[in-house]
Amino acid sequence: MTLQYICFLIFGICLYAIITDPNVARAFDYVLQLAKSKINHHVWWMKNDPSNPIVKYMIYRKNLKLAKELKAKIDNYYKENK
């Protein structure tokens, strides 16, 4: 129960500072935007990191498909020019 009161007290002090001073409100907004940006950066990196095995597999499949298409085009080109 005391932890709830401590959290409520900290929240109340922060809310008081935000309401009384617009610079604190702006700084709080900037900190939240920075945190959101950092989280988005880490999520993007986890989805596109080449050391991630799932991403490696997706890159492998994409390159395999591209290689098959290019081989078919090259074979078609040589058949037409014979």
PDB file of N, CA and C in Angstrom:
ATOM      1  N   MET A   1       0.814  -1.195   0.000  1.00  0.00           N
ATOM      2  CA  MET A   1       0.000   0.000   0.000  1.00  0.00           C
ATOM      3  C   MET A   1       0.862   1.265   0.000  1.00  0.00           C
ATOM      4  N   THR A   2       1.983   1.236   0.709  1.00  0.00           N
ATOM      5  CA  THR A   2       2.823   2.430   0.760  1.00  0.00           C
ATOM      6  C   THR A   2       3.464   2.706  -0.600  1.00  0.00           C
ATOM      7  N   LEU A   3       3.741   1.669  -1.379  1.00  0.00           N
ATOM      8  CA  LEU A   3       4.304   1.876  -2.711  1.00  0.00           C
ATOM      9  C   LEU A   3       3.325   2.652  -3.586  1.00  0.00           C
ATOM     10  N   GLN A   4       2.051   2.362  -3.451  1.00  0.00           N
ATOM     11  CA  GLN A   4       1.040   3.106  -4.211  1.00  0.00           C
ATOM     12  C   GLN A   4       1.032   4.568  -3.819  1.00  0.00           C
ATOM     13  N   TYR A   5       1.173   4.847  -2.514  1.00  0.00           N
ATOM     14  CA  TYR A   5       1.197   6.241  -2.062  1.00  0.00           C
ATOM     15  C   TYR A   5       2.453   6.963  -2.549  1.00  0.00           C
ATOM     16  N   ILE A   6       3.575   6.254  -2.560  1.00  0.00           N
ATOM     17  CA  ILE A   6       4.820   6.864  -3.044  1.00  0.00           C
ATOM     18  C   ILE A   6       4.695   7.181  -4.530  1.00  0.00           C
ATOM     19  N   CYS A   7       4.178   6.259  -5.321  1.00  0.00           N
ATOM     20  CA  CYS A   7       3.980   6.499  -6.759  1.00  0.00           C
ATOM     21  C   CYS A   7       2.992   7.641  -6.986  1.00  0.00           C
ATOM     22  N   PHE A   8       1.946   7.691  -6.184  1.00  0.00           N
ATOM     23  CA  PHE A   8       0.951   8.758  -6.294  1.00  0.00           C
ATOM     24  C   PHE A   8       1.574  10.104  -5.952  1.00  0.00           C
ATOM     25  N   LEU A   9       2.456  10.128  -4.948  1.00  0.00           N
ATOM     26  CA  LEU A   9       3.139  11.358  -4.561  1.00  0.00           C
ATOM     27  C   LEU A   9       4.068  11.833  -5.676  1.00  0.00           C
ATOM     28  N   ILE A  10       4.842  10.920  -6.254  1.00  0.00           N
ATOM     29  CA  ILE A  10       5.748  11.283  -7.349  1.00  0.00           C
ATOM     30  C   ILE A  10       4.950  11.787  -8.548  1.00  0.00           C
ATOM     31  N   PHE A  11       3.873  11.104  -8.885  1.00  0.00           N
ATOM     32  CA  PHE A  11       3.020  11.529  -9.994  1.00  0.00           C
ATOM     33  C   PHE A  11       2.426  12.912  -9.724  1.00  0.00           C
ATOM     34  N   GLY A  12       1.997  13.147  -8.482  1.00  0.00           N
ATOM     35  CA  GLY A  12       1.428  14.445  -8.116  1.00  0.00           C
ATOM     36  C   GLY A  12       2.439  15.571  -8.225  1.00  0.00           C
ATOM     37  N   ILE A  13       3.666  15.322  -7.793  1.00  0.00           N
ATOM     38  CA  ILE A  13       4.709  16.354  -7.890  1.00  0.00           C
ATOM     39  C   ILE A  13       5.019  16.658  -9.348  1.00  0.00           C
ATOM     40  N   CYS A  14       5.123  15.622 -10.163  1.00  0.00           N
ATOM     41  CA  CYS A  14       5.380  15.831 -11.601  1.00  0.00           C
ATOM     42  C   CYS A  14       4.221  16.588 -12.253  1.00  0.00           C
ATOM     43  N   LEU A  15       3.013  16.224 -11.924  1.00  0.00           N
ATOM     44  CA  LEU A  15       1.843  16.902 -12.483  1.00  0.00           C
ATOM     45  C   LEU A  15       1.799  18.364 -12.061  1.00  0.00           C
ATOM     46  N   TYR A  16       2.133  18.645 -10.805  1.00  0.00           N
ATOM     47  CA  TYR A  16       2.170  20.029 -10.322  1.00  0.00           C
ATOM     48  C   TYR A  16       3.210  20.839 -11.092  1.00  0.00           C
ATOM     49  N   ALA A  17       4.401  20.270 -11.293  1.00  0.00           N
ATOM     50  CA  ALA A  17       5.458  20.976 -12.023  1.00  0.00           C
ATOM     51  C   ALA A  17       5.058  21.213 -13.470  1.00  0.00           C
ATOM     52  N   ILE A  18       4.380  20.246 -14.079  1.00  0.00           N
ATOM     53  CA  ILE A  18       3.955  20.400 -15.473  1.00  0.00           C
ATOM     54  C   ILE A  18       2.885  21.470 -15.601  1.00  0.00           C
ATOM     55  N   ILE A  19       1.960  21.512 -14.665  1.00  0.00           N
ATOM     56  CA  ILE A  19       0.868  22.489 -14.735  1.00  0.00           C
ATOM     57  C   ILE A  19       1.376  23.900 -14.465  1.00  0.00           C
ATOM     58  N   THR A  20       2.297  24.060 -13.523  1.00  0.00           N
ATOM     59  CA  THR A  20       2.732  25.407 -13.144  1.00  0.00           C
ATOM     60  C   THR A  20       3.746  26.018 -14.106  1.00  0.00           C
ATOM     61  N   ASP A  21       4.569  25.205 -14.747  1.00  0.00           N
ATOM     62  CA  ASP A  21       5.620  25.755 -15.616  1.00  0.00           C
ATOM     63  C   ASP A  21       5.501  25.170 -17.018  1.00  0.00           C
ATOM     64  N   PRO A  22       5.251  26.010 -18.029  1.00  0.00           N
ATOM     65  CA  PRO A  22       5.116  25.483 -19.397  1.00  0.00           C
ATOM     66  C   PRO A  22       6.418  24.897 -19.949  1.00  0.00           C
ATOM     67  N   ASN A  23       7.565  25.385 -19.453  1.00  0.00           N
ATOM     68  CA  ASN A  23       8.837  24.829 -19.925  1.00  0.00           C
ATOM     69  C   ASN A  23       9.002  23.373 -19.483  1.00  0.00           C
ATOM     70  N   VAL A  24       8.532  23.070 -18.290  1.00  0.00           N
ATOM     71  CA  VAL A  24       8.592  21.687 -17.813  1.00  0.00           C
ATOM     72  C   VAL A  24       7.676  20.813 -18.656  1.00  0.00           C
ATOM     73  N   ALA A  25       6.509  21.352 -19.018  1.00  0.00           N
ATOM     74  CA  ALA A  25       5.582  20.596 -19.863  1.00  0.00           C
ATOM     75  C   ALA A  25       6.211  20.312 -21.224  1.00  0.00           C
ATOM     76  N   ARG A  26       6.882  21.327 -21.784  1.00  0.00           N
ATOM     77  CA  ARG A  26       7.548  21.128 -23.071  1.00  0.00           C
ATOM     78  C   ARG A  26       8.686  20.115 -22.956  1.00  0.00           C
ATOM     79  N   ALA A  27       9.458  20.197 -21.883  1.00  0.00           N
ATOM     80  CA  ALA A  27      10.552  19.248 -21.672  1.00  0.00           C
ATOM     81  C   ALA A  27      10.001  17.832 -21.504  1.00  0.00           C
ATOM     82  N   PHE A  28       8.900  17.696 -20.780  1.00  0.00           N
ATOM     83  CA  PHE A  28       8.268  16.387 -20.599  1.00  0.00           C
ATOM     84  C   PHE A  28       7.818  15.828 -21.947  1.00  0.00           C
ATOM     85  N   ASP A  29       7.258  16.688 -22.785  1.00  0.00           N
ATOM     86  CA  ASP A  29       6.827  16.262 -24.120  1.00  0.00           C
ATOM     87  C   ASP A  29       8.028  15.826 -24.962  1.00  0.00           C
ATOM     88  N   TYR A  30       9.128  16.586 -24.888  1.00  0.00           N
ATOM     89  CA  TYR A  30      10.328  16.221 -25.642  1.00  0.00           C
ATOM     90  C   TYR A  30      10.900  14.891 -25.164  1.00  0.00           C
ATOM     91  N   VAL A  31      10.883  14.660 -23.860  1.00  0.00           N
ATOM     92  CA  VAL A  31      11.396  13.392 -23.323  1.00  0.00           C
ATOM     93  C   VAL A  31      10.522  12.238 -23.802  1.00  0.00           C
ATOM     94  N   LEU A  32       9.202  12.429 -23.814  1.00  0.00           N
ATOM     95  CA  LEU A  32       8.320  11.367 -24.305  1.00  0.00           C
ATOM     96  C   LEU A  32       8.549  11.101 -25.792  1.00  0.00           C
ATOM     97  N   GLN A  33       8.742  12.161 -26.585  1.00  0.00           N
ATOM     98  CA  GLN A  33       9.023  11.974 -28.015  1.00  0.00           C
ATOM     99  C   GLN A  33      10.349  11.252 -28.222  1.00  0.00           C
ATOM    100  N   LEU A  34      11.354  11.601 -27.414  1.00  0.00           N
ATOM    101  CA  LEU A  34      12.654  10.935 -27.510  1.00  0.00           C
ATOM    102  C   LEU A  34      12.534   9.455 -27.163  1.00  0.00           C
ATOM    103  N   ALA A  35      11.779   9.153 -26.109  1.00  0.00           N
ATOM    104  CA  ALA A  35      11.595   7.759 -25.715  1.00  0.00           C
ATOM    105  C   ALA A  35      10.869   6.983 -26.814  1.00  0.00           C
ATOM    106  N   LYS A  36       9.840   7.599 -27.408  1.00  0.00           N
ATOM    107  CA  LYS A  36       9.106   6.938 -28.493  1.00  0.00           C
ATOM    108  C   LYS A  36      10.022   6.705 -29.693  1.00  0.00           C
ATOM    109  N   SER A  37      10.867   7.684 -29.990  1.00  0.00           N
ATOM    110  CA  SER A  37      11.799   7.554 -31.104  1.00  0.00           C
ATOM    111  C   SER A  37      12.803   6.426 -30.854  1.00  0.00           C
ATOM    112  N   LYS A  38      13.318   6.346 -29.642  1.00  0.00           N
ATOM    113  CA  LYS A  38      14.275   5.289 -29.313  1.00  0.00           C
ATOM    114  C   LYS A  38      13.622   3.910 -29.393  1.00  0.00           C
ATOM    115  N   ILE A  39      12.383   3.803 -28.909  1.00  0.00           N
ATOM    116  CA  ILE A  39      11.676   2.521 -28.978  1.00  0.00           C
ATOM    117  C   ILE A  39      11.441   2.127 -30.427  1.00  0.00           C
ATOM    118  N   ASN A  40      11.001   3.091 -31.254  1.00  0.00           N
ATOM    119  CA  ASN A  40      10.794   2.794 -32.677  1.00  0.00           C
ATOM    120  C   ASN A  40      12.101   2.370 -33.346  1.00  0.00           C
ATOM    121  N   HIS A  41      13.208   3.003 -32.958  1.00  0.00           N
ATOM    122  CA  HIS A  41      14.518   2.651 -33.514  1.00  0.00           C
ATOM    123  C   HIS A  41      14.875   1.211 -33.161  1.00  0.00           C
ATOM    124  N   HIS A  42      14.686   0.828 -31.910  1.00  0.00           N
ATOM    125  CA  HIS A  42      15.034  -0.526 -31.496  1.00  0.00           C
ATOM    126  C   HIS A  42      14.127  -1.564 -32.153  1.00  0.00           C
ATOM    127  N   VAL A  43      12.845  -1.254 -32.287  1.00  0.00           N
ATOM    128  CA  VAL A  43      11.928  -2.189 -32.953  1.00  0.00           C
ATOM    129  C   VAL A  43      12.320  -2.347 -34.421  1.00  0.00           C
ATOM    130  N   TRP A  44      12.632  -1.228 -35.092  1.00  0.00           N
ATOM    131  CA  TRP A  44      13.042  -1.299 -36.498  1.00  0.00           C
ATOM    132  C   TRP A  44      14.313  -2.132 -36.617  1.00  0.00           C
ATOM    133  N   TRP A  45      15.271  -1.923 -35.702  1.00  0.00           N
ATOM    134  CA  TRP A  45      16.528  -2.647 -35.780  1.00  0.00           C
ATOM    135  C   TRP A  45      16.319  -4.132 -35.539  1.00  0.00           C
ATOM    136  N   MET A  46      15.416  -4.487 -34.628  1.00  0.00           N
ATOM    137  CA  MET A  46      15.144  -5.910 -34.385  1.00  0.00           C
ATOM    138  C   MET A  46      14.500  -6.560 -35.602  1.00  0.00           C
ATOM    139  N   LYS A  47      13.682  -5.805 -36.344  1.00  0.00           N
ATOM    140  CA  LYS A  47      13.024  -6.354 -37.524  1.00  0.00           C
ATOM    141  C   LYS A  47      13.956  -6.440 -38.721  1.00  0.00           C
ATOM    142  N   ASN A  48      15.013  -5.629 -38.766  1.00  0.00           N
ATOM    143  CA  ASN A  48      15.870  -5.570 -39.941  1.00  0.00           C
ATOM    144  C   ASN A  48      17.328  -5.926 -39.664  1.00  0.00           C
ATOM    145  N   ASP A  49      17.644  -6.403 -38.478  1.00  0.00           N
ATOM    146  CA  ASP A  49      19.012  -6.763 -38.132  1.00  0.00           C
ATOM    147  C   ASP A  49      19.428  -8.021 -38.884  1.00  0.00           C
ATOM    148  N   PRO A  50      20.500  -7.963 -39.653  1.00  0.00           N
ATOM    149  CA  PRO A  50      20.915  -9.129 -40.430  1.00  0.00           C
ATOM    150  C   PRO A  50      21.377 -10.312 -39.573  1.00  0.00           C
ATOM    151  N   SER A  51      21.703 -10.094 -38.315  1.00  0.00           N
ATOM    152  CA  SER A  51      22.113 -11.221 -37.483  1.00  0.00           C
ATOM    153  C   SER A  51      20.913 -11.982 -36.912  1.00  0.00           C
ATOM    154  N   ASN A  52      19.722 -11.453 -37.115  1.00  0.00           N
ATOM    155  CA  ASN A  52      18.501 -12.135 -36.683  1.00  0.00           C
ATOM    156  C   ASN A  52      18.228 -13.282 -37.660  1.00  0.00           C
ATOM    157  N   PRO A  53      18.060 -14.516 -37.176  1.00  0.00           N
ATOM    158  CA  PRO A  53      17.892 -15.652 -38.097  1.00  0.00           C
ATOM    159  C   PRO A  53      16.631 -15.557 -38.958  1.00  0.00           C
ATOM    160  N   ILE A  54      15.577 -14.975 -38.439  1.00  0.00           N
ATOM    161  CA  ILE A  54      14.350 -14.830 -39.230  1.00  0.00           C
ATOM    162  C   ILE A  54      14.588 -13.874 -40.385  1.00  0.00           C
ATOM    163  N   VAL A  55      15.284 -12.776 -40.103  1.00  0.00           N
ATOM    164  CA  VAL A  55      15.593 -11.806 -41.159  1.00  0.00           C
ATOM    165  C   VAL A  55      16.549 -12.417 -42.176  1.00  0.00           C
ATOM    166  N   LYS A  56      17.499 -13.208 -41.705  1.00  0.00           N
ATOM    167  CA  LYS A  56      18.407 -13.902 -42.634  1.00  0.00           C
ATOM    168  C   LYS A  56      17.621 -14.790 -43.587  1.00  0.00           C
ATOM    169  N   TYR A  57      16.657 -15.528 -43.061  1.00  0.00           N
ATOM    170  CA  TYR A  57      15.844 -16.414 -43.889  1.00  0.00           C
ATOM    171  C   TYR A  57      15.039 -15.615 -44.903  1.00  0.00           C
ATOM    172  N   MET A  58      14.453 -14.488 -44.469  1.00  0.00           N
ATOM    173  CA  MET A  58      13.665 -13.666 -45.393  1.00  0.00           C
ATOM    174  C   MET A  58      14.543 -13.097 -46.509  1.00  0.00           C
ATOM    175  N   ILE A  59      15.754 -12.663 -46.167  1.00  0.00           N
ATOM    176  CA  ILE A  59      16.684 -12.156 -47.180  1.00  0.00           C
ATOM    177  C   ILE A  59      17.075 -13.281 -48.133  1.00  0.00           C
ATOM    178  N   TYR A  60      17.341 -14.481 -47.592  1.00  0.00           N
ATOM    179  CA  TYR A  60      17.700 -15.629 -48.415  1.00  0.00           C
ATOM    180  C   TYR A  60      16.591 -15.959 -49.405  1.00  0.00           C
ATOM    181  N   ARG A  61      15.332 -15.986 -48.930  1.00  0.00           N
ATOM    182  CA  ARG A  61      14.201 -16.308 -49.809  1.00  0.00           C
ATOM    183  C   ARG A  61      14.036 -15.242 -50.893  1.00  0.00           C
ATOM    184  N   LYS A  62      14.190 -13.983 -50.534  1.00  0.00           N
ATOM    185  CA  LYS A  62      14.057 -12.905 -51.511  1.00  0.00           C
ATOM    186  C   LYS A  62      15.155 -13.000 -52.575  1.00  0.00           C
ATOM    187  N   ASN A  63      16.370 -13.274 -52.144  1.00  0.00           N
ATOM    188  CA  ASN A  63      17.473 -13.394 -53.100  1.00  0.00           C
ATOM    189  C   ASN A  63      17.332 -14.642 -53.970  1.00  0.00           C
ATOM    190  N   LEU A  64      16.820 -15.721 -53.405  1.00  0.00           N
ATOM    191  CA  LEU A  64      16.599 -16.931 -54.184  1.00  0.00           C
ATOM    192  C   LEU A  64      15.554 -16.686 -55.269  1.00  0.00           C
ATOM    193  N   LYS A  65      14.488 -15.994 -54.925  1.00  0.00           N
ATOM    194  CA  LYS A  65      13.447 -15.671 -55.906  1.00  0.00           C
ATOM    195  C   LYS A  65      14.007 -14.777 -57.010  1.00  0.00           C
ATOM    196  N   LEU A  66      14.801 -13.779 -56.628  1.00  0.00           N
ATOM    197  CA  LEU A  66      15.407 -12.888 -57.615  1.00  0.00           C
ATOM    198  C   LEU A  66      16.363 -13.661 -58.530  1.00  0.00           C
ATOM    199  N   ALA A  67      17.133 -14.579 -57.955  1.00  0.00           N
ATOM    200  CA  ALA A  67      18.063 -15.371 -58.763  1.00  0.00           C
ATOM    201  C   ALA A  67      17.314 -16.237 -59.769  1.00  0.00           C
ATOM    202  N   LYS A  68      16.200 -16.830 -59.362  1.00  0.00           N
ATOM    203  CA  LYS A  68      15.410 -17.638 -60.291  1.00  0.00           C
ATOM    204  C   LYS A  68      14.848 -16.790 -61.429  1.00  0.00           C
ATOM    205  N   GLU A  69      14.355 -15.596 -61.099  1.00  0.00           N
ATOM    206  CA  GLU A  69      13.822 -14.707 -62.146  1.00  0.00           C
ATOM    207  C   GLU A  69      14.920 -14.292 -63.121  1.00  0.00           C
ATOM    208  N   LEU A  70      16.092 -13.931 -62.600  1.00  0.00           N
ATOM    209  CA  LEU A  70      17.192 -13.521 -63.476  1.00  0.00           C
ATOM    210  C   LEU A  70      17.677 -14.675 -64.340  1.00  0.00           C
ATOM    211  N   LYS A  71      17.761 -15.883 -63.767  1.00  0.00           N
ATOM    212  CA  LYS A  71      18.183 -17.041 -64.563  1.00  0.00           C
ATOM    213  C   LYS A  71      17.188 -17.325 -65.670  1.00  0.00           C
ATOM    214  N   ALA A  72      15.895 -17.185 -65.389  1.00  0.00           N
ATOM    215  CA  ALA A  72      14.878 -17.402 -66.419  1.00  0.00           C
ATOM    216  C   ALA A  72      15.009 -16.352 -67.523  1.00  0.00           C
ATOM    217  N   LYS A  73      15.260 -15.104 -67.164  1.00  0.00           N
ATOM    218  CA  LYS A  73      15.427 -14.049 -68.173  1.00  0.00           C
ATOM    219  C   LYS A  73      16.669 -14.284 -69.014  1.00  0.00           C
ATOM    220  N   ILE A  74      17.763 -14.699 -68.377  1.00  0.00           N
ATOM    221  CA  ILE A  74      19.006 -14.943 -69.116  1.00  0.00           C
ATOM    222  C   ILE A  74      18.824 -16.131 -70.055  1.00  0.00           C
ATOM    223  N   ASP A  75      18.200 -17.201 -69.578  1.00  0.00           N
ATOM    224  CA  ASP A  75      17.948 -18.370 -70.430  1.00  0.00           C
ATOM    225  C   ASP A  75      17.046 -18.001 -71.603  1.00  0.00           C
ATOM    226  N   ASN A  76      16.036 -17.207 -71.347  1.00  0.00           N
ATOM    227  CA  ASN A  76      15.125 -16.759 -72.403  1.00  0.00           C
ATOM    228  C   ASN A  76      15.875 -15.901 -73.432  1.00  0.00           C
ATOM    229  N   TYR A  77      16.772 -15.053 -72.972  1.00  0.00           N
ATOM    230  CA  TYR A  77      17.548 -14.201 -73.871  1.00  0.00           C
ATOM    231  C   TYR A  77      18.427 -15.048 -74.792  1.00  0.00           C
ATOM    232  N   TYR A  78      19.111 -16.068 -74.240  1.00  0.00           N
ATOM    233  CA  TYR A  78      19.967 -16.900 -75.061  1.00  0.00           C
ATOM    234  C   TYR A  78      19.170 -17.795 -76.024  1.00  0.00           C
ATOM    235  N   LYS A  79      17.961 -18.206 -75.637  1.00  0.00           N
ATOM    236  CA  LYS A  79      17.142 -19.012 -76.530  1.00  0.00           C
ATOM    237  C   LYS A  79      16.677 -18.175 -77.722  1.00  0.00           C
ATOM    238  N   GLU A  80      16.349 -16.901 -77.475  1.00  0.00           N
ATOM    239  CA  GLU A  80      15.858 -16.042 -78.552  1.00  0.00           C
ATOM    240  C   GLU A  80      16.986 -15.662 -79.506  1.00  0.00           C
ATOM    241  N   ASN A  81      18.202 -15.541 -79.038  1.00  0.00           N
ATOM    242  CA  ASN A  81      19.324 -15.077 -79.874  1.00  0.00           C
ATOM    243  C   ASN A  81      20.148 -16.206 -80.490  1.00  0.00           C
ATOM    244  N   LYS A  82      19.678 -17.419 -80.406  1.00  0.00           N
ATOM    245  CA  LYS A  82      20.418 -18.524 -81.027  1.00  0.00           C
ATOM    246  C   LYS A  82      20.125 -18.618 -82.495  1.00  0.00           C
TER     247      LYS A  82
END
